[in-house]
Amino acid sequence: MNITVTLNGTVRTAEVRPDTTLFDFLREQGCYSVKCGCETSNCGLCTVHLDGHPVLSCSVLAVRADGHTIDTLEGLQEEAAAFGACLADEGAEQCGFCSPGLILSVLAMARELQNPTDDEIRHYLAGNLCRCTGYQGQLRAIRRYLTERKEASRA
């Protein structure tokens, strides 16, 4: 079956099987930042934005994305760079395998929540697993990013 999506700002039409996951479709389209770490919707590595909201692409069928907008890290690099710098500055960027999914979750959270508490941040990111950090560096980086973002919007 044919689907048409807006992927990272570009309209794309492709033939997919009914059982093709959005993850597999995105990889076939060259979106290599989207990773699969568990195939059980538990790790967050496959997070993408579907119409601006974070979804786990390994648990969404590609046909469900027909007519919708999908953004991956490839399409949000400019926006992601500021948070990526905060991760690096706080020592929270270690192997980097989980970073694309984490970054996409944080970008969505920053749009959705105003002045989130640490508990709200932890709740929002509960599905993003990282085997290298103790999450404290990530939490510091998120706090720093949110503060810098707020200050930049005032300027």
N, C-alpha and C. Protein backbone atom coordinates (compact mmCIF):
# COMPACT_ATOMS: atom_id res chain seq x y z
N MET A 1 0.84 -1.17 0.00
CA MET A 1 0.00 0.00 0.00
C MET A 1 0.89 1.24 0.00
N ASN A 2 0.42 2.30 -0.61
CA ASN A 2 1.16 3.55 -0.68
C ASN A 2 0.81 4.44 0.51
N ILE A 3 1.83 5.09 1.05
CA ILE A 3 1.60 6.10 2.08
C ILE A 3 2.32 7.36 1.64
N THR A 4 1.80 8.50 2.08
CA THR A 4 2.43 9.78 1.83
C THR A 4 2.59 10.48 3.18
N VAL A 5 3.80 10.87 3.49
CA VAL A 5 4.09 11.56 4.75
C VAL A 5 4.94 12.78 4.45
N THR A 6 4.95 13.71 5.38
CA THR A 6 5.91 14.80 5.32
C THR A 6 7.01 14.43 6.30
N LEU A 7 8.15 14.07 5.77
CA LEU A 7 9.28 13.60 6.57
C LEU A 7 10.35 14.67 6.60
N ASN A 8 10.57 15.23 7.78
CA ASN A 8 11.59 16.27 7.94
C ASN A 8 11.41 17.40 6.93
N GLY A 9 10.14 17.77 6.70
CA GLY A 9 9.84 18.89 5.82
C GLY A 9 9.68 18.54 4.35
N THR A 10 9.88 17.29 3.97
CA THR A 10 9.78 16.88 2.58
C THR A 10 8.66 15.85 2.42
N VAL A 11 7.78 16.08 1.46
CA VAL A 11 6.71 15.12 1.21
C VAL A 11 7.30 13.90 0.52
N ARG A 12 6.99 12.73 1.07
CA ARG A 12 7.48 11.48 0.50
C ARG A 12 6.33 10.49 0.37
N THR A 13 6.33 9.80 -0.74
CA THR A 13 5.37 8.72 -0.98
C THR A 13 6.16 7.44 -1.15
N ALA A 14 5.69 6.38 -0.52
CA ALA A 14 6.41 5.11 -0.60
C ALA A 14 5.42 3.96 -0.50
N GLU A 15 5.83 2.84 -1.04
CA GLU A 15 5.08 1.59 -0.94
C GLU A 15 5.55 0.89 0.33
N VAL A 16 4.61 0.49 1.19
CA VAL A 16 4.96 -0.24 2.40
C VAL A 16 4.04 -1.45 2.54
N ARG A 17 4.53 -2.46 3.20
CA ARG A 17 3.69 -3.60 3.55
C ARG A 17 2.81 -3.21 4.74
N PRO A 18 1.68 -3.84 4.90
CA PRO A 18 0.79 -3.49 6.02
C PRO A 18 1.43 -3.67 7.40
N ASP A 19 2.44 -4.55 7.51
CA ASP A 19 3.06 -4.80 8.81
C ASP A 19 4.38 -4.05 9.01
N THR A 20 4.72 -3.13 8.11
CA THR A 20 5.96 -2.36 8.25
C THR A 20 5.83 -1.36 9.39
N THR A 21 6.78 -1.38 10.30
CA THR A 21 6.75 -0.41 11.39
C THR A 21 7.26 0.94 10.89
N LEU A 22 6.88 1.97 11.59
CA LEU A 22 7.37 3.30 11.27
C LEU A 22 8.89 3.33 11.39
N PHE A 23 9.44 2.61 12.37
CA PHE A 23 10.89 2.53 12.52
C PHE A 23 11.54 2.00 11.24
N ASP A 24 11.06 0.88 10.74
CA ASP A 24 11.64 0.29 9.53
C ASP A 24 11.48 1.22 8.33
N PHE A 25 10.32 1.85 8.21
CA PHE A 25 10.09 2.80 7.13
C PHE A 25 11.09 3.95 7.19
N LEU A 26 11.29 4.51 8.39
CA LEU A 26 12.21 5.65 8.53
C LEU A 26 13.64 5.26 8.20
N ARG A 27 14.06 4.10 8.62
CA ARG A 27 15.41 3.63 8.28
C ARG A 27 15.55 3.46 6.77
N GLU A 28 14.51 2.92 6.12
CA GLU A 28 14.54 2.78 4.66
C GLU A 28 14.60 4.13 3.97
N GLN A 29 14.11 5.16 4.62
CA GLN A 29 14.14 6.51 4.07
C GLN A 29 15.44 7.25 4.39
N GLY A 30 16.38 6.57 5.05
CA GLY A 30 17.68 7.16 5.34
C GLY A 30 17.78 7.90 6.66
N CYS A 31 16.82 7.71 7.53
CA CYS A 31 16.84 8.37 8.85
C CYS A 31 17.56 7.44 9.83
N TYR A 32 18.87 7.52 9.82
CA TYR A 32 19.67 6.59 10.61
C TYR A 32 19.85 7.01 12.06
N SER A 33 19.35 8.20 12.43
CA SER A 33 19.37 8.58 13.85
C SER A 33 18.35 7.76 14.63
N VAL A 34 17.35 7.25 13.95
CA VAL A 34 16.31 6.46 14.59
C VAL A 34 16.86 5.06 14.80
N LYS A 35 16.96 4.66 16.06
CA LYS A 35 17.57 3.38 16.40
C LYS A 35 16.56 2.50 17.10
N CYS A 36 16.81 1.21 17.07
CA CYS A 36 15.95 0.26 17.76
C CYS A 36 16.82 -0.51 18.75
N GLY A 37 16.51 -0.38 20.01
CA GLY A 37 17.32 -1.04 21.02
C GLY A 37 16.63 -2.21 21.69
N CYS A 38 15.31 -2.30 21.57
CA CYS A 38 14.62 -3.34 22.33
C CYS A 38 13.52 -4.07 21.56
N GLU A 39 12.91 -3.41 20.60
CA GLU A 39 11.77 -3.94 19.85
C GLU A 39 10.57 -4.28 20.74
N THR A 40 10.52 -3.68 21.93
CA THR A 40 9.41 -3.91 22.85
C THR A 40 8.82 -2.61 23.39
N SER A 41 9.18 -1.49 22.80
CA SER A 41 8.68 -0.17 23.22
C SER A 41 9.09 0.21 24.63
N ASN A 42 10.28 -0.22 25.04
CA ASN A 42 10.73 0.07 26.40
C ASN A 42 11.95 0.97 26.52
N CYS A 43 12.67 1.20 25.43
CA CYS A 43 13.96 1.90 25.59
C CYS A 43 13.96 3.35 25.14
N GLY A 44 13.07 3.74 24.24
CA GLY A 44 13.00 5.12 23.78
C GLY A 44 13.96 5.49 22.67
N LEU A 45 14.80 4.58 22.23
CA LEU A 45 15.78 4.89 21.19
C LEU A 45 15.13 5.22 19.86
N CYS A 46 13.94 4.72 19.63
CA CYS A 46 13.27 4.92 18.34
C CYS A 46 12.32 6.11 18.35
N THR A 47 12.42 6.97 19.34
CA THR A 47 11.50 8.11 19.46
C THR A 47 11.62 9.05 18.27
N VAL A 48 10.48 9.43 17.73
CA VAL A 48 10.38 10.43 16.67
C VAL A 48 9.19 11.32 17.01
N HIS A 49 9.05 12.42 16.31
CA HIS A 49 7.88 13.27 16.48
C HIS A 49 6.89 12.95 15.37
N LEU A 50 5.68 12.64 15.75
CA LEU A 50 4.57 12.44 14.82
C LEU A 50 3.59 13.57 15.09
N ASP A 51 3.48 14.47 14.12
CA ASP A 51 2.66 15.68 14.28
C ASP A 51 3.07 16.43 15.55
N GLY A 52 4.37 16.47 15.82
CA GLY A 52 4.90 17.24 16.94
C GLY A 52 4.93 16.53 18.28
N HIS A 53 4.40 15.32 18.34
CA HIS A 53 4.35 14.59 19.60
C HIS A 53 5.30 13.39 19.55
N PRO A 54 6.00 13.12 20.64
CA PRO A 54 6.93 11.98 20.63
C PRO A 54 6.17 10.65 20.60
N VAL A 55 6.61 9.76 19.71
CA VAL A 55 6.07 8.41 19.64
C VAL A 55 7.23 7.44 19.48
N LEU A 56 7.00 6.22 19.87
CA LEU A 56 7.99 5.16 19.70
C LEU A 56 7.74 4.52 18.34
N SER A 57 8.65 4.75 17.41
CA SER A 57 8.42 4.33 16.03
C SER A 57 8.43 2.82 15.86
N CYS A 58 8.97 2.09 16.83
CA CYS A 58 8.95 0.62 16.72
C CYS A 58 7.58 0.05 17.02
N SER A 59 6.69 0.87 17.61
CA SER A 59 5.37 0.36 17.96
C SER A 59 4.24 1.04 17.20
N VAL A 60 4.60 1.75 16.13
CA VAL A 60 3.60 2.40 15.28
C VAL A 60 3.76 1.82 13.87
N LEU A 61 2.67 1.41 13.28
CA LEU A 61 2.73 0.94 11.90
C LEU A 61 2.90 2.13 10.96
N ALA A 62 3.69 1.95 9.92
CA ALA A 62 3.93 3.03 8.97
C ALA A 62 2.63 3.53 8.35
N VAL A 63 1.69 2.63 8.09
CA VAL A 63 0.42 3.04 7.49
C VAL A 63 -0.34 4.02 8.38
N ARG A 64 -0.11 3.98 9.69
CA ARG A 64 -0.77 4.91 10.61
C ARG A 64 -0.23 6.34 10.45
N ALA A 65 0.95 6.47 9.85
CA ALA A 65 1.56 7.78 9.65
C ALA A 65 1.12 8.43 8.33
N ASP A 66 0.37 7.70 7.52
CA ASP A 66 -0.08 8.22 6.23
C ASP A 66 -0.81 9.55 6.44
N GLY A 67 -0.35 10.57 5.71
CA GLY A 67 -0.97 11.89 5.80
C GLY A 67 -0.47 12.75 6.94
N HIS A 68 0.48 12.25 7.70
CA HIS A 68 0.98 12.98 8.87
C HIS A 68 2.40 13.50 8.66
N THR A 69 2.84 14.28 9.63
CA THR A 69 4.19 14.85 9.61
C THR A 69 5.06 14.11 10.60
N ILE A 70 6.24 13.72 10.14
CA ILE A 70 7.20 13.00 10.98
C ILE A 70 8.49 13.81 11.00
N ASP A 71 9.02 14.01 12.18
CA ASP A 71 10.33 14.66 12.33
C ASP A 71 11.25 13.74 13.09
N THR A 72 12.46 13.59 12.56
CA THR A 72 13.51 12.83 13.22
C THR A 72 14.64 13.80 13.55
N LEU A 73 15.67 13.31 14.18
CA LEU A 73 16.80 14.18 14.51
C LEU A 73 17.39 14.82 13.26
N GLU A 74 17.37 14.11 12.14
CA GLU A 74 17.89 14.69 10.89
C GLU A 74 17.18 15.97 10.52
N GLY A 75 15.90 16.07 10.84
CA GLY A 75 15.13 17.25 10.50
C GLY A 75 15.10 18.32 11.57
N LEU A 76 15.62 18.00 12.74
CA LEU A 76 15.58 18.94 13.86
C LEU A 76 16.98 19.28 14.38
N GLN A 77 17.98 19.14 13.51
CA GLN A 77 19.36 19.31 13.95
C GLN A 77 19.65 20.67 14.56
N GLU A 78 19.11 21.71 13.95
CA GLU A 78 19.39 23.05 14.47
C GLU A 78 18.81 23.22 15.87
N GLU A 79 17.57 22.80 16.05
CA GLU A 79 16.92 22.88 17.36
C GLU A 79 17.61 21.97 18.38
N ALA A 80 18.06 20.82 17.91
CA ALA A 80 18.70 19.84 18.80
C ALA A 80 20.10 20.23 19.22
N ALA A 81 20.76 21.07 18.45
CA ALA A 81 22.15 21.42 18.73
C ALA A 81 22.32 22.07 20.11
N ALA A 82 21.38 22.93 20.49
CA ALA A 82 21.49 23.61 21.78
C ALA A 82 21.41 22.61 22.93
N PHE A 83 20.49 21.67 22.85
CA PHE A 83 20.40 20.67 23.91
C PHE A 83 21.59 19.73 23.87
N GLY A 84 22.03 19.37 22.69
CA GLY A 84 23.21 18.51 22.56
C GLY A 84 24.43 19.14 23.22
N ALA A 85 24.58 20.45 23.08
CA ALA A 85 25.69 21.15 23.73
C ALA A 85 25.55 21.08 25.25
N CYS A 86 24.34 21.20 25.75
CA CYS A 86 24.11 21.09 27.19
C CYS A 86 24.46 19.69 27.69
N LEU A 87 24.10 18.66 26.92
CA LEU A 87 24.46 17.29 27.29
C LEU A 87 25.97 17.15 27.40
N ALA A 88 26.67 17.65 26.41
CA ALA A 88 28.13 17.53 26.41
C ALA A 88 28.75 18.33 27.57
N ASP A 89 28.25 19.54 27.79
CA ASP A 89 28.79 20.39 28.86
C ASP A 89 28.58 19.79 30.25
N GLU A 90 27.51 19.02 30.41
CA GLU A 90 27.21 18.42 31.71
C GLU A 90 27.76 17.01 31.84
N GLY A 91 28.53 16.56 30.86
CA GLY A 91 29.12 15.22 30.92
C GLY A 91 28.11 14.11 30.77
N ALA A 92 26.97 14.42 30.17
CA ALA A 92 25.91 13.43 30.02
C ALA A 92 25.91 12.79 28.65
N GLU A 93 26.84 13.17 27.80
CA GLU A 93 26.95 12.60 26.46
C GLU A 93 28.07 11.57 26.52
N GLN A 94 27.73 10.34 26.67
CA GLN A 94 28.76 9.32 26.79
C GLN A 94 28.85 8.55 25.49
N CYS A 95 28.26 7.38 25.37
CA CYS A 95 28.38 6.66 24.10
C CYS A 95 27.53 7.30 23.02
N GLY A 96 26.44 7.97 23.40
CA GLY A 96 25.59 8.67 22.44
C GLY A 96 24.52 7.83 21.78
N PHE A 97 24.48 6.53 22.06
CA PHE A 97 23.51 5.67 21.39
C PHE A 97 22.07 6.08 21.69
N CYS A 98 21.80 6.46 22.93
CA CYS A 98 20.43 6.83 23.31
C CYS A 98 20.11 8.28 23.01
N SER A 99 21.11 9.07 22.64
CA SER A 99 20.92 10.52 22.52
C SER A 99 19.84 10.96 21.55
N PRO A 100 19.73 10.40 20.34
CA PRO A 100 18.66 10.89 19.46
C PRO A 100 17.26 10.78 20.06
N GLY A 101 16.94 9.65 20.65
CA GLY A 101 15.62 9.49 21.27
C GLY A 101 15.44 10.42 22.45
N LEU A 102 16.47 10.56 23.27
CA LEU A 102 16.41 11.46 24.42
C LEU A 102 16.22 12.90 23.96
N ILE A 103 16.98 13.30 22.96
CA ILE A 103 16.89 14.68 22.46
C ILE A 103 15.49 14.96 21.93
N LEU A 104 14.93 14.06 21.16
CA LEU A 104 13.59 14.28 20.63
C LEU A 104 12.55 14.35 21.74
N SER A 105 12.70 13.55 22.77
CA SER A 105 11.78 13.62 23.90
C SER A 105 11.90 14.95 24.62
N VAL A 106 13.12 15.42 24.82
CA VAL A 106 13.33 16.70 25.51
C VAL A 106 12.78 17.86 24.69
N LEU A 107 12.98 17.85 23.38
CA LEU A 107 12.45 18.93 22.54
C LEU A 107 10.93 18.97 22.63
N ALA A 108 10.29 17.81 22.62
CA ALA A 108 8.83 17.76 22.74
C ALA A 108 8.39 18.24 24.13
N MET A 109 9.11 17.81 25.15
CA MET A 109 8.77 18.21 26.51
C MET A 109 8.89 19.72 26.67
N ALA A 110 9.95 20.31 26.10
CA ALA A 110 10.16 21.75 26.22
C ALA A 110 9.03 22.54 25.57
N ARG A 111 8.44 21.99 24.54
CA ARG A 111 7.30 22.65 23.89
C ARG A 111 6.02 22.47 24.69
N GLU A 112 5.92 21.35 25.38
CA GLU A 112 4.67 20.97 26.03
C GLU A 112 4.54 21.46 27.47
N LEU A 113 5.62 21.43 28.24
CA LEU A 113 5.56 21.76 29.66
C LEU A 113 6.21 23.11 29.95
N GLN A 114 5.56 23.90 30.76
CA GLN A 114 6.11 25.17 31.20
C GLN A 114 6.73 24.98 32.59
N ASN A 115 8.00 25.27 32.76
CA ASN A 115 8.68 25.17 34.05
C ASN A 115 8.45 23.83 34.75
N PRO A 116 8.80 22.73 34.11
CA PRO A 116 8.55 21.43 34.74
C PRO A 116 9.43 21.21 35.97
N THR A 117 8.90 20.51 36.93
CA THR A 117 9.68 20.12 38.10
C THR A 117 10.57 18.94 37.71
N ASP A 118 11.53 18.60 38.56
CA ASP A 118 12.38 17.44 38.29
C ASP A 118 11.55 16.17 38.19
N ASP A 119 10.53 16.04 39.02
CA ASP A 119 9.66 14.86 38.95
C ASP A 119 8.89 14.81 37.63
N GLU A 120 8.43 15.96 37.15
CA GLU A 120 7.74 16.00 35.85
C GLU A 120 8.68 15.63 34.72
N ILE A 121 9.91 16.10 34.79
CA ILE A 121 10.91 15.75 33.78
C ILE A 121 11.16 14.25 33.80
N ARG A 122 11.38 13.71 34.98
CA ARG A 122 11.62 12.26 35.10
C ARG A 122 10.44 11.46 34.56
N HIS A 123 9.23 11.90 34.88
CA HIS A 123 8.03 11.21 34.40
C HIS A 123 7.97 11.26 32.87
N TYR A 124 8.22 12.43 32.29
CA TYR A 124 8.14 12.60 30.84
C TYR A 124 9.17 11.73 30.13
N LEU A 125 10.33 11.56 30.75
CA LEU A 125 11.42 10.82 30.11
C LEU A 125 11.55 9.38 30.61
N ALA A 126 10.55 8.89 31.31
CA ALA A 126 10.64 7.56 31.92
C ALA A 126 10.97 6.46 30.93
N GLY A 127 10.59 6.58 29.68
CA GLY A 127 10.84 5.54 28.70
C GLY A 127 12.15 5.65 27.96
N ASN A 128 13.01 6.59 28.33
CA ASN A 128 14.30 6.76 27.67
C ASN A 128 15.39 6.13 28.52
N LEU A 129 15.84 4.96 28.09
CA LEU A 129 16.86 4.24 28.84
C LEU A 129 18.26 4.59 28.36
N CYS A 130 19.18 4.71 29.31
CA CYS A 130 20.58 4.99 29.03
C CYS A 130 21.41 4.05 29.89
N ARG A 131 22.31 3.33 29.27
CA ARG A 131 23.14 2.38 30.01
C ARG A 131 24.46 3.00 30.49
N CYS A 132 24.77 4.20 30.05
CA CYS A 132 26.07 4.80 30.37
C CYS A 132 26.03 5.81 31.51
N THR A 133 24.92 6.55 31.62
CA THR A 133 24.88 7.62 32.62
C THR A 133 24.06 7.19 33.82
N GLY A 134 24.15 7.97 34.86
CA GLY A 134 23.31 7.74 36.04
C GLY A 134 22.11 8.65 36.01
N TYR A 135 21.82 9.24 34.87
CA TYR A 135 20.70 10.14 34.62
C TYR A 135 20.84 11.50 35.28
N GLN A 136 21.72 11.65 36.25
CA GLN A 136 21.86 12.95 36.91
C GLN A 136 22.44 13.99 35.95
N GLY A 137 23.43 13.59 35.16
CA GLY A 137 23.99 14.50 34.16
C GLY A 137 22.95 14.91 33.13
N GLN A 138 22.11 13.95 32.74
CA GLN A 138 21.04 14.27 31.79
C GLN A 138 20.06 15.25 32.40
N LEU A 139 19.71 15.05 33.66
CA LEU A 139 18.78 15.95 34.34
C LEU A 139 19.38 17.36 34.44
N ARG A 140 20.66 17.45 34.77
CA ARG A 140 21.33 18.76 34.80
C ARG A 140 21.30 19.41 33.42
N ALA A 141 21.56 18.63 32.39
CA ALA A 141 21.57 19.16 31.03
C ALA A 141 20.19 19.65 30.62
N ILE A 142 19.16 18.92 30.99
CA ILE A 142 17.79 19.32 30.66
C ILE A 142 17.44 20.62 31.38
N ARG A 143 17.75 20.68 32.66
CA ARG A 143 17.49 21.92 33.42
C ARG A 143 18.21 23.11 32.78
N ARG A 144 19.48 22.90 32.45
CA ARG A 144 20.28 23.97 31.83
C ARG A 144 19.67 24.39 30.50
N TYR A 145 19.29 23.42 29.68
CA TYR A 145 18.69 23.71 28.38
C TYR A 145 17.40 24.51 28.54
N LEU A 146 16.54 24.10 29.47
CA LEU A 146 15.28 24.80 29.68
C LEU A 146 15.51 26.23 30.14
N THR A 147 16.50 26.42 31.02
CA THR A 147 16.82 27.76 31.50
C THR A 147 17.35 28.62 30.36
N GLU A 148 18.28 28.09 29.57
CA GLU A 148 18.85 28.85 28.45
C GLU A 148 17.79 29.17 27.40
N ARG A 149 16.88 28.23 27.19
CA ARG A 149 15.80 28.43 26.21
C ARG A 149 14.88 29.55 26.67
N LYS A 150 14.56 29.54 27.97
CA LYS A 150 13.68 30.58 28.52
C LYS A 150 14.35 31.95 28.42
N GLU A 151 15.65 32.01 28.74
CA GLU A 151 16.37 33.28 28.66
C GLU A 151 16.46 33.79 27.23
N ALA A 152 16.66 32.89 26.27
CA ALA A 152 16.74 33.28 24.87
C ALA A 152 15.41 33.81 24.35
N SER A 153 14.30 33.26 24.85
CA SER A 153 12.99 33.71 24.39
C SER A 153 12.65 35.10 24.93
N ARG A 154 13.27 35.46 26.05
CA ARG A 154 13.04 36.80 26.62
C ARG A 154 13.82 37.86 25.88
N ALA A 155 14.92 37.46 25.26
CA ALA A 155 15.80 38.44 24.58
C ALA A 155 15.24 38.93 23.28
